[in-house]
Amino acid sequence: MSKTGTTRVRIEPGQAVPDGATDWERVRTMSDAEVTAAALSDPDAQPMTETELARMRRPTDIKALRARLGMTQEQFARTYRLPLGTVRDWEQGRTRPDAPALALLAVIEREPEAVRRALH
């Protein structure tokens, strides 16, 4: 969510209206056990199970992929027809690949030579 976005809260009948104030002093004095208990009490933010975590696909590490292929940023960008600045931004965490780029990166990860042949 962007920092300039709007957050909407639905108040159910009989529910107290949140005042939006955080008692930071109280937060700072909470023990680790209290913090954990407070986090677990939120039904909308339950931790993932080991099974759910195992099913998640890790995002492509572009820098590691490029290193496995033995390519510089310039070579990687040129070979796979990506803007050099985009590759740099991804690697430095300034931006993240969008869905089409993630699909391309997944194919490059599995079949780099096939992608290279298809693009040249």
Protein backbone atom coordinates (compact mmCIF):
# COMPACT_ATOMS: atom_id res chain seq x y z
CA MET A 1 0.00 0.00 0.00
CA SER A 2 1.27 3.43 -0.76
CA LYS A 3 1.95 5.84 2.07
CA THR A 4 -0.54 8.26 0.55
CA GLY A 5 -3.34 5.69 0.27
CA THR A 6 -6.58 5.70 2.20
CA THR A 7 -7.36 3.09 4.82
CA ARG A 8 -11.01 2.33 5.38
CA VAL A 9 -12.21 0.75 8.60
CA ARG A 10 -15.62 -0.86 8.92
CA ILE A 11 -17.14 -0.45 12.36
CA GLU A 12 -19.63 -3.16 13.26
CA PRO A 13 -22.66 -2.24 15.41
CA GLY A 14 -21.64 -2.10 19.06
CA GLN A 15 -17.93 -1.98 18.21
CA ALA A 16 -15.82 0.82 19.67
CA VAL A 17 -14.46 3.34 17.20
CA PRO A 18 -10.64 3.15 17.08
CA ASP A 19 -9.09 6.43 18.10
CA GLY A 20 -5.90 5.85 16.09
CA ALA A 21 -3.66 6.75 19.02
CA THR A 22 -0.90 4.33 19.95
CA ASP A 23 0.43 4.23 23.48
CA TRP A 24 4.08 3.89 22.46
CA GLU A 25 5.28 3.91 26.04
CA ARG A 26 3.11 0.83 26.68
CA VAL A 27 4.42 -0.80 23.52
CA ARG A 28 8.05 -0.18 24.57
CA THR A 29 7.45 -1.75 27.99
CA MET A 30 5.80 -4.94 26.66
CA SER A 31 7.69 -8.17 27.14
CA ASP A 32 8.38 -10.45 24.17
CA ALA A 33 5.66 -12.80 25.43
CA GLU A 34 3.15 -9.93 25.59
CA VAL A 35 4.06 -8.80 22.08
CA THR A 36 3.63 -12.35 20.77
CA ALA A 37 0.29 -12.77 22.56
CA ALA A 38 -0.96 -9.43 21.19
CA ALA A 39 0.08 -10.36 17.66
CA LEU A 40 -1.57 -13.79 17.88
CA SER A 41 -4.79 -12.22 19.16
CA ASP A 42 -5.31 -10.45 15.81
CA PRO A 43 -7.50 -12.79 13.72
CA ASP A 44 -6.51 -10.96 10.52
CA ALA A 45 -2.78 -11.44 10.97
CA GLN A 46 -2.22 -15.05 11.95
CA PRO A 47 1.19 -16.58 11.24
CA MET A 48 1.51 -18.97 8.35
CA THR A 49 1.83 -22.68 9.05
CA GLU A 50 4.96 -24.62 8.07
CA THR A 51 2.96 -26.19 5.23
CA GLU A 52 1.84 -22.78 3.93
CA LEU A 53 5.39 -21.46 4.12
CA ALA A 54 6.74 -24.49 2.27
CA ARG A 55 4.23 -23.98 -0.58
CA MET A 56 5.27 -20.37 -1.13
CA ARG A 57 7.53 -19.70 -4.07
CA ARG A 58 10.48 -17.52 -3.23
CA PRO A 59 10.87 -14.51 -5.50
CA THR A 60 13.65 -14.74 -8.05
CA ASP A 61 16.94 -13.36 -6.76
CA ILE A 62 18.00 -11.57 -9.93
CA LYS A 63 21.55 -10.94 -8.77
CA ALA A 64 22.03 -14.62 -7.85
CA LEU A 65 20.47 -15.73 -11.15
CA ARG A 66 22.78 -13.43 -13.09
CA ALA A 67 25.78 -14.69 -11.10
CA ARG A 68 24.85 -18.34 -11.81
CA LEU A 69 24.77 -17.46 -15.50
CA GLY A 70 28.19 -15.78 -15.18
CA MET A 71 26.94 -12.52 -16.64
CA THR A 72 27.45 -8.86 -15.84
CA GLN A 73 24.40 -6.65 -15.44
CA GLU A 74 25.05 -5.27 -18.92
CA GLN A 75 25.32 -8.74 -20.48
CA PHE A 76 22.19 -9.97 -18.69
CA ALA A 77 20.18 -6.92 -19.74
CA ARG A 78 21.35 -7.10 -23.36
CA THR A 79 20.90 -10.87 -23.66
CA TYR A 80 17.36 -10.91 -22.26
CA ARG A 81 16.33 -7.53 -23.74
CA LEU A 82 15.84 -5.78 -20.43
CA PRO A 83 16.68 -2.15 -19.73
CA LEU A 84 19.98 -1.97 -17.86
CA GLY A 85 18.56 0.53 -15.38
CA THR A 86 15.69 -1.84 -14.62
CA VAL A 87 18.07 -4.71 -13.86
CA ARG A 88 20.08 -2.41 -11.58
CA ASP A 89 16.92 -1.20 -9.82
CA TRP A 90 15.76 -4.79 -9.23
CA GLU A 91 19.12 -5.87 -7.86
CA GLN A 92 19.42 -2.85 -5.57
CA GLY A 93 15.86 -3.23 -4.31
CA ARG A 94 14.65 0.12 -5.61
CA THR A 95 11.88 -1.58 -7.61
CA ARG A 96 10.51 -5.07 -7.95
CA PRO A 97 9.73 -6.91 -11.18
CA ASP A 98 6.07 -6.80 -12.26
CA ALA A 99 4.14 -9.97 -13.16
CA PRO A 100 5.33 -10.25 -16.80
CA ALA A 101 8.94 -9.66 -15.75
CA LEU A 102 8.62 -12.29 -13.02
CA ALA A 103 7.33 -14.75 -15.62
CA LEU A 104 10.28 -13.99 -17.90
CA LEU A 105 12.73 -14.34 -15.01
CA ALA A 106 11.18 -17.69 -14.01
CA VAL A 107 11.69 -19.00 -17.56
CA ILE A 108 15.24 -17.62 -17.67
CA GLU A 109 15.91 -19.38 -14.37
CA ARG A 110 14.77 -22.75 -15.77
CA GLU A 111 15.79 -22.49 -19.43
CA PRO A 112 18.25 -19.62 -19.95
CA GLU A 113 19.57 -20.93 -23.28
CA ALA A 114 16.07 -21.42 -24.71
CA VAL A 115 15.17 -17.82 -23.82
CA ARG A 116 18.44 -16.58 -25.31
CA ARG A 117 17.77 -18.49 -28.55
CA ALA A 118 14.16 -17.28 -28.71
CA LEU A 119 15.20 -13.64 -28.33
CA HIS A 120 18.03 -13.68 -30.87
